Amino acid sequence: MYKDIKLEKGLYNITGKSFTRALTDLDPDENYKDTDLAGLDAYERQLKRFDIKVHGENCDRVEKFFLSTESAVLFPEFVRRCIKEGMDKASILSEVIAATTLTDELTYRGLTITKSGTDNAVPEGGTLPNTTVRLTAAGINLSKFARKLSCSYESIRKHRIETFAVILRDLGAQISRAVNKQAISVLNAGVSPSTLIGDTLTYADLAKFWASMDSYDMTTMLCSPADMATILAFDEMKYCVSDYMTSGMVKTPYGVTIVKCAGLQDGLAIGVDKNCALEMIYGTDIIVDFDKLLSTQCDEVACSITVGFSKIASDAVKALETA
């Protein structure tokens, strides 16, 4: 049972396993099928064991984690989960990533696609059109994105856990925005932007931009907050904006998801077929320095993620000068 698990910081050190995965191996989820604990994972069961409430009306204070050496072991995973939640909320990657790869190396060579010939029927004895797959010309160096939160235990111990979680999610969002910029830079590399029909951005420009991706299907358009505001003000978009109230996403009448991206400069929009455009390479998932976090009682919260990006199909990315 979950109450009999011995919690120790060595659970963070098992190669190839997250803390929650290590807990789950000791306390399998299937043991709780058709019980009151069925909806909880192994980590959440440990929070229940030590009666630590991390949100809601009866949310505990941060110091509740440190009432015992075993309950303190749960704190780094709480920090990691909050940071990840903040990263996921601010990330644009779900709308542009076609594939995800894990690697132990700091340099990675992705795959690229080039096409030759036509899509016409091939006559007898004729030359077949060709799709060529090659390794990228140069290795892709993975980048480490990190941030440190400095705060004394005394300053936060009496604050509600839910309040501290807000700070951690904001930290995660900051990291995620830096990762977004890296993805945008790779997407936009080598792309020659098309220009407007007239002097200012119009709905006709958006339609032409969408149609310019003839070999692929534009699923996503990244734009700056200012450009997105301009687009949402178009009369043609007034019925689409209401979709945001139900789905949290805004789509054009022809189905392109518009993503507001603070890391993108004003005056440039990027169109992407998210099924073919970009590969994300993970060197590490989110890492929290658990040892320091436990030994100093959160005087210093350090976290990082190591990632890189590789463009797969260059024709699956288009750009438009919006000003």
C-alpha atoms as a PDB file:
ATOM      1  CA  MET A   1       0.000   0.000   0.000  1.00  0.00           C
ATOM      2  CA  TYR A   2       1.017   3.598  -0.586  1.00  0.00           C
ATOM      3  CA  LYS A   3       1.353   4.248   3.153  1.00  0.00           C
ATOM      4  CA  ASP A   4       4.161   1.697   3.435  1.00  0.00           C
ATOM      5  CA  ILE A   5       6.458   3.194   0.775  1.00  0.00           C
ATOM      6  CA  LYS A   6       9.819   4.383   2.100  1.00  0.00           C
ATOM      7  CA  LEU A   7      10.412   7.831   0.640  1.00  0.00           C
ATOM      8  CA  GLU A   8      14.030   8.811   0.114  1.00  0.00           C
ATOM      9  CA  LYS A   9      15.798  11.158  -2.273  1.00  0.00           C
ATOM     10  CA  GLY A  10      17.444   8.189  -4.002  1.00  0.00           C
ATOM     11  CA  LEU A  11      14.142   7.759  -5.874  1.00  0.00           C
ATOM     12  CA  TYR A  12      15.177  10.797  -7.930  1.00  0.00           C
ATOM     13  CA  ASN A  13      18.420   9.103  -8.966  1.00  0.00           C
ATOM     14  CA  ILE A  14      17.145   5.995 -10.749  1.00  0.00           C
ATOM     15  CA  THR A  15      18.475   6.081 -14.307  1.00  0.00           C
ATOM     16  CA  GLY A  16      15.791   6.308 -16.954  1.00  0.00           C
ATOM     17  CA  LYS A  17      12.964   6.839 -14.489  1.00  0.00           C
ATOM     18  CA  SER A  18      11.231   9.906 -13.199  1.00  0.00           C
ATOM     19  CA  PHE A  19      10.391  10.203  -9.516  1.00  0.00           C
ATOM     20  CA  THR A  20       6.743   9.392 -10.226  1.00  0.00           C
ATOM     21  CA  ARG A  21       7.718   6.388 -12.364  1.00  0.00           C
ATOM     22  CA  ALA A  22       9.914   5.087  -9.548  1.00  0.00           C
ATOM     23  CA  LEU A  23       7.041   5.523  -7.097  1.00  0.00           C
ATOM     24  CA  THR A  24       4.639   3.791  -9.475  1.00  0.00           C
ATOM     25  CA  ASP A  25       6.927   0.770  -9.703  1.00  0.00           C
ATOM     26  CA  LEU A  26       6.727   0.490  -5.927  1.00  0.00           C
ATOM     27  CA  ASP A  27       3.034   1.316  -5.759  1.00  0.00           C
ATOM     28  CA  PRO A  28       1.309   0.339  -9.064  1.00  0.00           C
ATOM     29  CA  ASP A  29      -1.774   2.292 -10.119  1.00  0.00           C
ATOM     30  CA  GLU A  30      -3.641  -0.904 -10.980  1.00  0.00           C
ATOM     31  CA  ASN A  31      -3.786  -1.802  -7.289  1.00  0.00           C
ATOM     32  CA  TYR A  32      -6.310   0.988  -6.806  1.00  0.00           C
ATOM     33  CA  LYS A  33      -8.755   0.162  -9.573  1.00  0.00           C
ATOM     34  CA  ASP A  34     -12.366   0.635  -8.437  1.00  0.00           C
ATOM     35  CA  THR A  35     -11.284   2.337  -5.199  1.00  0.00           C
ATOM     36  CA  ASP A  36     -11.541   5.926  -3.985  1.00  0.00           C
ATOM     37  CA  LEU A  37      -7.878   6.410  -4.998  1.00  0.00           C
ATOM     38  CA  ALA A  38      -8.338   5.269  -8.608  1.00  0.00           C
ATOM     39  CA  GLY A  39      -8.022   8.794  -9.992  1.00  0.00           C
ATOM     40  CA  LEU A  40      -4.699   9.528  -8.285  1.00  0.00           C
ATOM     41  CA  ASP A  41      -1.202   8.701  -9.510  1.00  0.00           C
ATOM     42  CA  ALA A  42       1.531   7.362  -7.220  1.00  0.00           C
ATOM     43  CA  TYR A  43       2.774  10.850  -6.331  1.00  0.00           C
ATOM     44  CA  GLU A  44      -0.701  12.170  -5.556  1.00  0.00           C
ATOM     45  CA  ARG A  45      -1.285   9.177  -3.278  1.00  0.00           C
ATOM     46  CA  GLN A  46       1.800  10.212  -1.301  1.00  0.00           C
ATOM     47  CA  LEU A  47       0.409  13.728  -0.923  1.00  0.00           C
ATOM     48  CA  LYS A  48      -2.734  12.151   0.478  1.00  0.00           C
ATOM     49  CA  ARG A  49      -0.665   9.957   2.793  1.00  0.00           C
ATOM     50  CA  PHE A  50       0.939  13.009   4.393  1.00  0.00           C
ATOM     51  CA  ASP A  51      -2.278  15.034   4.170  1.00  0.00           C
ATOM     52  CA  ILE A  52      -0.661  17.742   2.015  1.00  0.00           C
ATOM     53  CA  LYS A  53      -3.283  19.789   0.199  1.00  0.00           C
ATOM     54  CA  VAL A  54      -1.702  21.717  -2.683  1.00  0.00           C
ATOM     55  CA  HIS A  55      -4.762  23.657  -3.869  1.00  0.00           C
ATOM     56  CA  GLY A  56      -8.290  24.557  -2.946  1.00  0.00           C
ATOM     57  CA  GLU A  57      -9.963  26.211  -0.002  1.00  0.00           C
ATOM     58  CA  ASN A  58      -8.027  24.182   2.584  1.00  0.00           C
ATOM     59  CA  CYS A  59      -4.667  24.448   0.835  1.00  0.00           C
ATOM     60  CA  ASP A  60      -1.731  23.956   3.197  1.00  0.00           C
ATOM     61  CA  ARG A  61       1.307  26.163   3.721  1.00  0.00           C
ATOM     62  CA  VAL A  62       4.668  25.378   2.123  1.00  0.00           C
ATOM     63  CA  GLU A  63       6.087  24.286   5.470  1.00  0.00           C
ATOM     64  CA  LYS A  64       3.740  21.273   5.455  1.00  0.00           C
ATOM     65  CA  PHE A  65       6.122  19.533   3.037  1.00  0.00           C
ATOM     66  CA  PHE A  66       8.941  19.802   5.598  1.00  0.00           C
ATOM     67  CA  LEU A  67       7.249  18.341   8.669  1.00  0.00           C
ATOM     68  CA  SER A  68       9.203  15.111   8.161  1.00  0.00           C
ATOM     69  CA  THR A  69      12.209  13.959   6.142  1.00  0.00           C
ATOM     70  CA  GLU A  70       9.947  11.672   4.074  1.00  0.00           C
ATOM     71  CA  SER A  71       7.326  14.290   3.215  1.00  0.00           C
ATOM     72  CA  ALA A  72      10.149  16.699   2.257  1.00  0.00           C
ATOM     73  CA  VAL A  73      11.140  14.256  -0.500  1.00  0.00           C
ATOM     74  CA  LEU A  74       7.842  15.089  -2.222  1.00  0.00           C
ATOM     75  CA  PHE A  75       8.689  18.773  -2.564  1.00  0.00           C
ATOM     76  CA  PRO A  76      11.037  18.677  -5.608  1.00  0.00           C
ATOM     77  CA  GLU A  77       8.446  16.743  -7.613  1.00  0.00           C
ATOM     78  CA  PHE A  78       5.818  19.321  -6.681  1.00  0.00           C
ATOM     79  CA  VAL A  79       8.176  22.039  -7.925  1.00  0.00           C
ATOM     80  CA  ARG A  80       8.845  20.144 -11.170  1.00  0.00           C
ATOM     81  CA  ARG A  81       5.142  19.606 -11.839  1.00  0.00           C
ATOM     82  CA  CYS A  82       4.296  23.267 -11.329  1.00  0.00           C
ATOM     83  CA  ILE A  83       7.153  24.386 -13.583  1.00  0.00           C
ATOM     84  CA  LYS A  84       6.068  21.923 -16.269  1.00  0.00           C
ATOM     85  CA  GLU A  85       2.483  23.154 -16.014  1.00  0.00           C
ATOM     86  CA  GLY A  86       3.682  26.707 -16.592  1.00  0.00           C
ATOM     87  CA  MET A  87       5.841  25.604 -19.526  1.00  0.00           C
ATOM     88  CA  ASP A  88       2.993  23.703 -21.163  1.00  0.00           C
ATOM     89  CA  LYS A  89       0.637  26.660 -20.775  1.00  0.00           C
ATOM     90  CA  ALA A  90       3.034  29.089 -22.501  1.00  0.00           C
ATOM     91  CA  SER A  91       4.312  26.676 -25.144  1.00  0.00           C
ATOM     92  CA  ILE A  92       3.448  26.904 -28.847  1.00  0.00           C
ATOM     93  CA  LEU A  93       5.100  23.577 -29.609  1.00  0.00           C
ATOM     94  CA  SER A  94       1.960  21.447 -29.735  1.00  0.00           C
ATOM     95  CA  GLU A  95       0.926  23.492 -32.785  1.00  0.00           C
ATOM     96  CA  VAL A  96       4.199  23.211 -34.726  1.00  0.00           C
ATOM     97  CA  ILE A  97       5.938  19.950 -33.775  1.00  0.00           C
ATOM     98  CA  ALA A  98       5.585  16.938 -36.090  1.00  0.00           C
ATOM     99  CA  ALA A  99       7.877  14.537 -34.214  1.00  0.00           C
ATOM    100  CA  THR A 100       9.750  14.286 -30.929  1.00  0.00           C
ATOM    101  CA  THR A 101      13.095  12.557 -30.437  1.00  0.00           C
ATOM    102  CA  LEU A 102      15.056  11.730 -27.288  1.00  0.00           C
ATOM    103  CA  THR A 103      18.847  11.682 -27.388  1.00  0.00           C
ATOM    104  CA  ASP A 104      21.771  11.332 -24.999  1.00  0.00           C
ATOM    105  CA  GLU A 105      23.995  13.453 -27.240  1.00  0.00           C
ATOM    106  CA  LEU A 106      24.440  17.223 -27.241  1.00  0.00           C
ATOM    107  CA  THR A 107      24.683  17.285 -31.040  1.00  0.00           C
ATOM    108  CA  TYR A 108      22.068  15.739 -33.317  1.00  0.00           C
ATOM    109  CA  ARG A 109      21.669  15.319 -37.069  1.00  0.00           C
ATOM    110  CA  GLY A 110      18.068  15.340 -38.206  1.00  0.00           C
ATOM    111  CA  LEU A 111      16.469  14.313 -41.491  1.00  0.00           C
ATOM    112  CA  THR A 112      15.463  16.609 -44.340  1.00  0.00           C
ATOM    113  CA  ILE A 113      13.178  16.002 -47.313  1.00  0.00           C
ATOM    114  CA  THR A 114      13.677  17.296 -50.861  1.00  0.00           C
ATOM    115  CA  LYS A 115      11.468  16.481 -53.832  1.00  0.00           C
ATOM    116  CA  SER A 116      12.065  16.460 -57.584  1.00  0.00           C
ATOM    117  CA  GLY A 117       9.917  15.706 -60.603  1.00  0.00           C
ATOM    118  CA  THR A 118       6.191  16.279 -60.996  1.00  0.00           C
ATOM    119  CA  ASP A 119       3.058  14.636 -59.685  1.00  0.00           C
ATOM    120  CA  ASN A 120       1.855  13.790 -63.189  1.00  0.00           C
ATOM    121  CA  ALA A 121       1.226  10.216 -64.287  1.00  0.00           C
ATOM    122  CA  VAL A 122       4.456   8.443 -65.231  1.00  0.00           C
ATOM    123  CA  PRO A 123       4.570   7.192 -68.854  1.00  0.00           C
ATOM    124  CA  GLU A 124       5.903   3.742 -69.633  1.00  0.00           C
ATOM    125  CA  GLY A 125       9.680   3.807 -69.262  1.00  0.00           C
ATOM    126  CA  GLY A 126       9.529   7.319 -67.865  1.00  0.00           C
ATOM    127  CA  THR A 127      11.595   8.694 -64.998  1.00  0.00           C
ATOM    128  CA  LEU A 128       9.975   8.425 -61.602  1.00  0.00           C
ATOM    129  CA  PRO A 129       9.646  11.567 -59.482  1.00  0.00           C
ATOM    130  CA  ASN A 130      11.954  11.342 -56.514  1.00  0.00           C
ATOM    131  CA  THR A 131      11.790  12.136 -52.810  1.00  0.00           C
ATOM    132  CA  THR A 132      15.228  12.318 -51.219  1.00  0.00           C
ATOM    133  CA  VAL A 133      15.877  11.994 -47.505  1.00  0.00           C
ATOM    134  CA  ARG A 134      19.232  13.125 -46.179  1.00  0.00           C
ATOM    135  CA  LEU A 135      20.840  13.918 -42.863  1.00  0.00           C
ATOM    136  CA  THR A 136      21.051  17.631 -42.095  1.00  0.00           C
ATOM    137  CA  ALA A 137      24.245  19.133 -43.479  1.00  0.00           C
ATOM    138  CA  ALA A 138      25.460  20.143 -40.040  1.00  0.00           C
ATOM    139  CA  GLY A 139      24.864  18.814 -36.568  1.00  0.00           C
ATOM    140  CA  ILE A 140      22.222  20.532 -34.476  1.00  0.00           C
ATOM    141  CA  ASN A 141      23.565  21.702 -31.141  1.00  0.00           C
ATOM    142  CA  LEU A 142      21.074  21.230 -28.359  1.00  0.00           C
ATOM    143  CA  SER A 143      20.574  24.250 -26.122  1.00  0.00           C
ATOM    144  CA  LYS A 144      20.066  24.357 -22.373  1.00  0.00           C
ATOM    145  CA  PHE A 145      17.324  26.679 -21.163  1.00  0.00           C
ATOM    146  CA  ALA A 146      17.384  27.295 -17.426  1.00  0.00           C
ATOM    147  CA  ARG A 147      16.251  29.628 -14.694  1.00  0.00           C
ATOM    148  CA  LYS A 148      16.984  29.959 -11.003  1.00  0.00           C
ATOM    149  CA  LEU A 149      14.505  31.165  -8.411  1.00  0.00           C
ATOM    150  CA  SER A 150      16.113  32.620  -5.315  1.00  0.00           C
ATOM    151  CA  CYS A 151      13.982  32.829  -2.204  1.00  0.00           C
ATOM    152  CA  SER A 152      14.560  32.040   1.449  1.00  0.00           C
ATOM    153  CA  TYR A 153      12.584  29.315   3.134  1.00  0.00           C
ATOM    154  CA  GLU A 154      11.588  31.771   5.834  1.00  0.00           C
ATOM    155  CA  SER A 155       9.978  34.061   3.256  1.00  0.00           C
ATOM    156  CA  ILE A 156       7.682  31.396   1.814  1.00  0.00           C
ATOM    157  CA  ARG A 157       7.153  28.786   4.556  1.00  0.00           C
ATOM    158  CA  LYS A 158       3.971  30.447   5.853  1.00  0.00           C
ATOM    159  CA  HIS A 159       2.514  31.089   2.405  1.00  0.00           C
ATOM    160  CA  ARG A 160      -0.069  28.795   0.891  1.00  0.00           C
ATOM    161  CA  ILE A 161       1.303  26.142  -1.434  1.00  0.00           C
ATOM    162  CA  GLU A 162      -1.123  27.333  -4.101  1.00  0.00           C
ATOM    163  CA  THR A 163       0.438  30.807  -4.041  1.00  0.00           C
ATOM    164  CA  PHE A 164       3.971  29.422  -4.379  1.00  0.00           C
ATOM    165  CA  ALA A 165       2.727  27.293  -7.289  1.00  0.00           C
ATOM    166  CA  VAL A 166       1.789  30.480  -9.170  1.00  0.00           C
ATOM    167  CA  ILE A 167       5.402  31.668  -8.906  1.00  0.00           C
ATOM    168  CA  LEU A 168       6.715  28.306 -10.122  1.00  0.00           C
ATOM    169  CA  ARG A 169       4.341  28.245 -13.094  1.00  0.00           C
ATOM    170  CA  ASP A 170       5.468  31.738 -14.024  1.00  0.00           C
ATOM    171  CA  LEU A 171       9.084  30.541 -13.909  1.00  0.00           C
ATOM    172  CA  GLY A 172       8.158  27.658 -16.208  1.00  0.00           C
ATOM    173  CA  ALA A 173       6.414  30.024 -18.605  1.00  0.00           C
ATOM    174  CA  GLN A 174       9.569  32.143 -18.834  1.00  0.00           C
ATOM    175  CA  ILE A 175      11.608  29.110 -19.829  1.00  0.00           C
ATOM    176  CA  SER A 176       8.973  28.043 -22.326  1.00  0.00           C
ATOM    177  CA  ARG A 177       8.946  31.415 -24.055  1.00  0.00           C
ATOM    178  CA  ALA A 178      12.711  31.107 -24.566  1.00  0.00           C
ATOM    179  CA  VAL A 179      12.198  27.640 -26.086  1.00  0.00           C
ATOM    180  CA  ASN A 180       9.471  29.077 -28.325  1.00  0.00           C
ATOM    181  CA  LYS A 181      11.932  31.646 -29.694  1.00  0.00           C
ATOM    182  CA  GLN A 182      14.382  28.886 -30.560  1.00  0.00           C
ATOM    183  CA  ALA A 183      11.680  26.953 -32.426  1.00  0.00           C
ATOM    184  CA  ILE A 184      10.634  30.075 -34.337  1.00  0.00           C
ATOM    185  CA  SER A 185      14.234  30.809 -35.309  1.00  0.00           C
ATOM    186  CA  VAL A 186      14.656  27.320 -36.781  1.00  0.00           C
ATOM    187  CA  LEU A 187      11.307  27.483 -38.590  1.00  0.00           C
ATOM    188  CA  ASN A 188      12.089  30.860 -40.120  1.00  0.00           C
ATOM    189  CA  ALA A 189      15.678  30.091 -41.150  1.00  0.00           C
ATOM    190  CA  GLY A 190      16.107  30.280 -44.920  1.00  0.00           C
ATOM    191  CA  VAL A 191      12.483  31.251 -45.593  1.00  0.00           C
ATOM    192  CA  SER A 192      11.870  34.163 -47.978  1.00  0.00           C
ATOM    193  CA  PRO A 193       8.687  35.929 -46.840  1.00  0.00           C
ATOM    194  CA  SER A 194       5.966  36.904 -49.266  1.00  0.00           C
ATOM    195  CA  THR A 195       4.633  40.468 -49.255  1.00  0.00           C
ATOM    196  CA  LEU A 196       1.226  42.086 -48.873  1.00  0.00           C
ATOM    197  CA  ILE A 197      -1.136  42.775 -51.753  1.00  0.00           C
ATOM    198  CA  GLY A 198      -1.428  46.410 -50.663  1.00  0.00           C
ATOM    199  CA  ASP A 199       0.012  48.623 -47.956  1.00  0.00           C
ATOM    200  CA  THR A 200      -1.728  47.082 -44.943  1.00  0.00           C
ATOM    201  CA  LEU A 201      -2.635  43.567 -43.885  1.00  0.00           C
ATOM    202  CA  THR A 202      -6.079  42.462 -45.056  1.00  0.00           C
ATOM    203  CA  TYR A 203      -8.131  39.284 -44.923  1.00  0.00           C
ATOM    204  CA  ALA A 204      -7.321  38.763 -48.602  1.00  0.00           C
ATOM    205  CA  ASP A 205      -3.622  38.640 -47.670  1.00  0.00           C
ATOM    206  CA  LEU A 206      -4.340  35.876 -45.166  1.00  0.00           C
ATOM    207  CA  ALA A 207      -6.261  33.866 -47.732  1.00  0.00           C
ATOM    208  CA  LYS A 208      -3.471  34.270 -50.287  1.00  0.00           C
ATOM    209  CA  PHE A 209      -0.891  33.309 -47.673  1.00  0.00           C
ATOM    210  CA  TRP A 210      -2.831  30.151 -46.825  1.00  0.00           C
ATOM    211  CA  ALA A 211      -3.098  29.218 -50.487  1.00  0.00           C
ATOM    212  CA  SER A 212       0.645  29.756 -51.050  1.00  0.00           C
ATOM    213  CA  MET A 213       1.378  26.477 -49.265  1.00  0.00           C
ATOM    214  CA  ASP A 214       0.357  24.285 -52.173  1.00  0.00           C
ATOM    215  CA  SER A 215       2.385  21.125 -51.424  1.00  0.00           C
ATOM    216  CA  TYR A 216       1.312  21.015 -47.779  1.00  0.00           C
ATOM    217  CA  ASP A 217      -1.671  22.031 -45.691  1.00  0.00           C
ATOM    218  CA  MET A 218      -1.150  25.104 -43.508  1.00  0.00           C
ATOM    219  CA  THR A 219      -2.454  24.110 -40.073  1.00  0.00           C
ATOM    220  CA  THR A 220      -0.952  26.867 -37.937  1.00  0.00           C
ATOM    221  CA  MET A 221      -0.106  30.537 -38.275  1.00  0.00           C
ATOM    222  CA  LEU A 222       2.215  32.128 -35.713  1.00  0.00           C
ATOM    223  CA  CYS A 223       1.961  35.871 -35.275  1.00  0.00           C
ATOM    224  CA  SER A 224       2.886  38.574 -32.796  1.00  0.00           C
ATOM    225  CA  PRO A 225       0.263  39.890 -30.344  1.00  0.00           C
ATOM    226  CA  ALA A 226      -0.059  43.105 -32.374  1.00  0.00           C
ATOM    227  CA  ASP A 227      -0.594  41.251 -35.654  1.00  0.00           C
ATOM    228  CA  MET A 228      -3.061  38.886 -34.036  1.00  0.00           C
ATOM    229  CA  ALA A 229      -5.068  41.837 -32.752  1.00  0.00           C
ATOM    230  CA  THR A 230      -5.202  43.205 -36.309  1.00  0.00           C
ATOM    231  CA  ILE A 231      -6.365  39.856 -37.668  1.00  0.00           C
ATOM    232  CA  LEU A 232      -9.050  39.386 -35.019  1.00  0.00           C
ATOM    233  CA  ALA A 233     -10.450  42.813 -35.897  1.00  0.00           C
ATOM    234  CA  PHE A 234     -11.250  41.729 -39.480  1.00  0.00           C
ATOM    235  CA  ASP A 235     -14.982  41.487 -40.159  1.00  0.00           C
ATOM    236  CA  GLU A 236     -14.438  38.024 -41.625  1.00  0.00           C
ATOM    237  CA  MET A 237     -13.096  36.832 -38.258  1.00  0.00           C
ATOM    238  CA  LYS A 238     -15.974  37.963 -36.043  1.00  0.00           C
ATOM    239  CA  TYR A 239     -17.660  34.581 -36.060  1.00  0.00           C
ATOM    240  CA  CYS A 240     -14.390  32.726 -35.503  1.00  0.00           C
ATOM    241  CA  VAL A 241     -13.415  34.658 -32.384  1.00  0.00           C
ATOM    242  CA  SER A 242     -16.360  33.123 -30.522  1.00  0.00           C
ATOM    243  CA  ASP A 243     -14.707  29.706 -30.942  1.00  0.00           C
ATOM    244  CA  TYR A 244     -12.095  30.864 -28.437  1.00  0.00           C
ATOM    245  CA  MET A 245     -14.736  30.822 -25.720  1.00  0.00           C
ATOM    246  CA  THR A 246     -15.270  27.072 -26.138  1.00  0.00           C
ATOM    247  CA  SER A 247     -11.946  25.690 -27.367  1.00  0.00           C
ATOM    248  CA  GLY A 248      -9.370  28.287 -26.308  1.00  0.00           C
ATOM    249  CA  MET A 249      -8.146  28.425 -29.908  1.00  0.00           C
ATOM    250  CA  VAL A 250      -8.871  30.818 -32.759  1.00  0.00           C
ATOM    251  CA  LYS A 251      -9.143  29.438 -36.270  1.00  0.00           C
ATOM    252  CA  THR A 252      -9.608  31.226 -39.566  1.00  0.00           C
ATOM    253  CA  PRO A 253     -12.716  30.334 -41.611  1.00  0.00           C
ATOM    254  CA  TYR A 254     -10.526  27.958 -43.634  1.00  0.00           C
ATOM    255  CA  GLY A 255      -9.273  26.103 -40.558  1.00  0.00           C
ATOM    256  CA  VAL A 256      -5.850  27.572 -39.764  1.00  0.00           C
ATOM    257  CA  THR A 257      -5.156  27.862 -36.029  1.00  0.00           C
ATOM    258  CA  ILE A 258      -3.810  31.318 -35.149  1.00  0.00           C
ATOM    259  CA  VAL A 259      -1.271  31.225 -32.325  1.00  0.00           C
ATOM    260  CA  LYS A 260      -0.221  34.386 -30.508  1.00  0.00           C
ATOM    261  CA  CYS A 261       3.518  34.260 -29.961  1.00  0.00           C
ATOM    262  CA  ALA A 262       5.262  36.968 -27.968  1.00  0.00           C
ATOM    263  CA  GLY A 263       8.634  35.752 -29.253  1.00  0.00           C
ATOM    264  CA  LEU A 264       7.786  36.615 -32.850  1.00  0.00           C
ATOM    265  CA  GLN A 265       8.597  40.075 -34.144  1.00  0.00           C
ATOM    266  CA  ASP A 266       5.847  42.422 -35.299  1.00  0.00           C
ATOM    267  CA  GLY A 267       5.477  42.503 -39.058  1.00  0.00           C
ATOM    268  CA  LEU A 268       6.065  38.797 -39.679  1.00  0.00           C
ATOM    269  CA  ALA A 269       3.714  35.809 -39.664  1.00  0.00           C
ATOM    270  CA  ILE A 270       4.832  32.210 -40.079  1.00  0.00           C
ATOM    271  CA  GLY A 271       2.602  29.525 -41.557  1.00  0.00           C
ATOM    272  CA  VAL A 272       3.304  25.896 -40.670  1.00  0.00           C
ATOM    273  CA  ASP A 273       2.054  22.446 -41.544  1.00  0.00           C
ATOM    274  CA  LYS A 274       2.551  20.972 -38.089  1.00  0.00           C
ATOM    275  CA  ASN A 275       2.405  17.436 -39.492  1.00  0.00           C
ATOM    276  CA  CYS A 276       5.636  17.845 -41.486  1.00  0.00           C
ATOM    277  CA  ALA A 277       7.572  20.934 -40.468  1.00  0.00           C
ATOM    278  CA  LEU A 278       9.605  20.499 -37.302  1.00  0.00           C
ATOM    279  CA  GLU A 279      11.247  17.857 -35.156  1.00  0.00           C
ATOM    280  CA  MET A 280      11.920  18.551 -31.490  1.00  0.00           C
ATOM    281  CA  ILE A 281      14.940  16.875 -29.922  1.00  0.00           C
ATOM    282  CA  TYR A 282      15.040  16.396 -26.163  1.00  0.00           C
ATOM    283  CA  GLY A 283      18.418  16.081 -24.514  1.00  0.00           C
ATOM    284  CA  THR A 284      16.666  16.180 -21.146  1.00  0.00           C
ATOM    285  CA  ASP A 285      13.163  16.704 -19.894  1.00  0.00           C
ATOM    286  CA  ILE A 286      12.623  19.267 -17.139  1.00  0.00           C
ATOM    287  CA  ILE A 287      15.325  18.833 -14.496  1.00  0.00           C
ATOM    288  CA  VAL A 288      15.004  20.249 -10.997  1.00  0.00           C
ATOM    289  CA  ASP A 289      18.057  20.234  -8.743  1.00  0.00           C
ATOM    290  CA  PHE A 290      16.385  18.091  -6.084  1.00  0.00           C
ATOM    291  CA  ASP A 291      19.481  17.663  -3.913  1.00  0.00           C
ATOM    292  CA  LYS A 292      20.027  21.384  -3.468  1.00  0.00           C
ATOM    293  CA  LEU A 293      16.300  21.932  -3.073  1.00  0.00           C
ATOM    294  CA  LEU A 294      16.138  19.496  -0.171  1.00  0.00           C
ATOM    295  CA  SER A 295      19.386  20.477   1.522  1.00  0.00           C
ATOM    296  CA  THR A 296      18.689  24.219   1.487  1.00  0.00           C
ATOM    297  CA  GLN A 297      14.896  24.016   1.919  1.00  0.00           C
ATOM    298  CA  CYS A 298      14.257  25.894  -1.353  1.00  0.00           C
ATOM    299  CA  ASP A 299      16.624  28.813  -0.793  1.00  0.00           C
ATOM    300  CA  GLU A 300      17.434  28.172  -4.439  1.00  0.00           C
ATOM    301  CA  VAL A 301      15.183  26.523  -7.044  1.00  0.00           C
ATOM    302  CA  ALA A 302      17.158  25.684 -10.195  1.00  0.00           C
ATOM    303  CA  CYS A 303      15.556  24.022 -13.197  1.00  0.00           C
ATOM    304  CA  SER A 304      16.526  23.419 -16.809  1.00  0.00           C
ATOM    305  CA  ILE A 305      15.610  21.673 -20.034  1.00  0.00           C
ATOM    306  CA  THR A 306      17.891  20.787 -22.956  1.00  0.00           C
ATOM    307  CA  VAL A 307      16.297  20.802 -26.407  1.00  0.00           C
ATOM    308  CA  GLY A 308      16.936  21.442 -30.085  1.00  0.00           C
ATOM    309  CA  PHE A 309      14.906  21.680 -33.284  1.00  0.00           C
ATOM    310  CA  SER A 310      15.343  20.371 -36.813  1.00  0.00           C
ATOM    311  CA  LYS A 311      13.297  21.438 -39.824  1.00  0.00           C
ATOM    312  CA  ILE A 312      12.109  18.369 -41.735  1.00  0.00           C
ATOM    313  CA  ALA A 313      10.308  19.685 -44.821  1.00  0.00           C
ATOM    314  CA  SER A 314      11.268  23.226 -45.811  1.00  0.00           C
ATOM    315  CA  ASP A 315       8.173  23.647 -48.002  1.00  0.00           C
ATOM    316  CA  ALA A 316       5.991  23.047 -44.946  1.00  0.00           C
ATOM    317  CA  VAL A 317       6.929  26.514 -43.651  1.00  0.00           C
ATOM    318  CA  LYS A 318       5.969  29.858 -45.194  1.00  0.00           C
ATOM    319  CA  ALA A 319       6.398  33.432 -44.005  1.00  0.00           C
ATOM    320  CA  LEU A 320       4.477  36.647 -44.662  1.00  0.00           C
ATOM    321  CA  GLU A 321       5.576  40.235 -44.114  1.00  0.00           C
ATOM    322  CA  THR A 322       2.553  41.794 -42.459  1.00  0.00           C
ATOM    323  CA  ALA A 323       3.780  45.394 -42.527  1.00  0.00           C
END
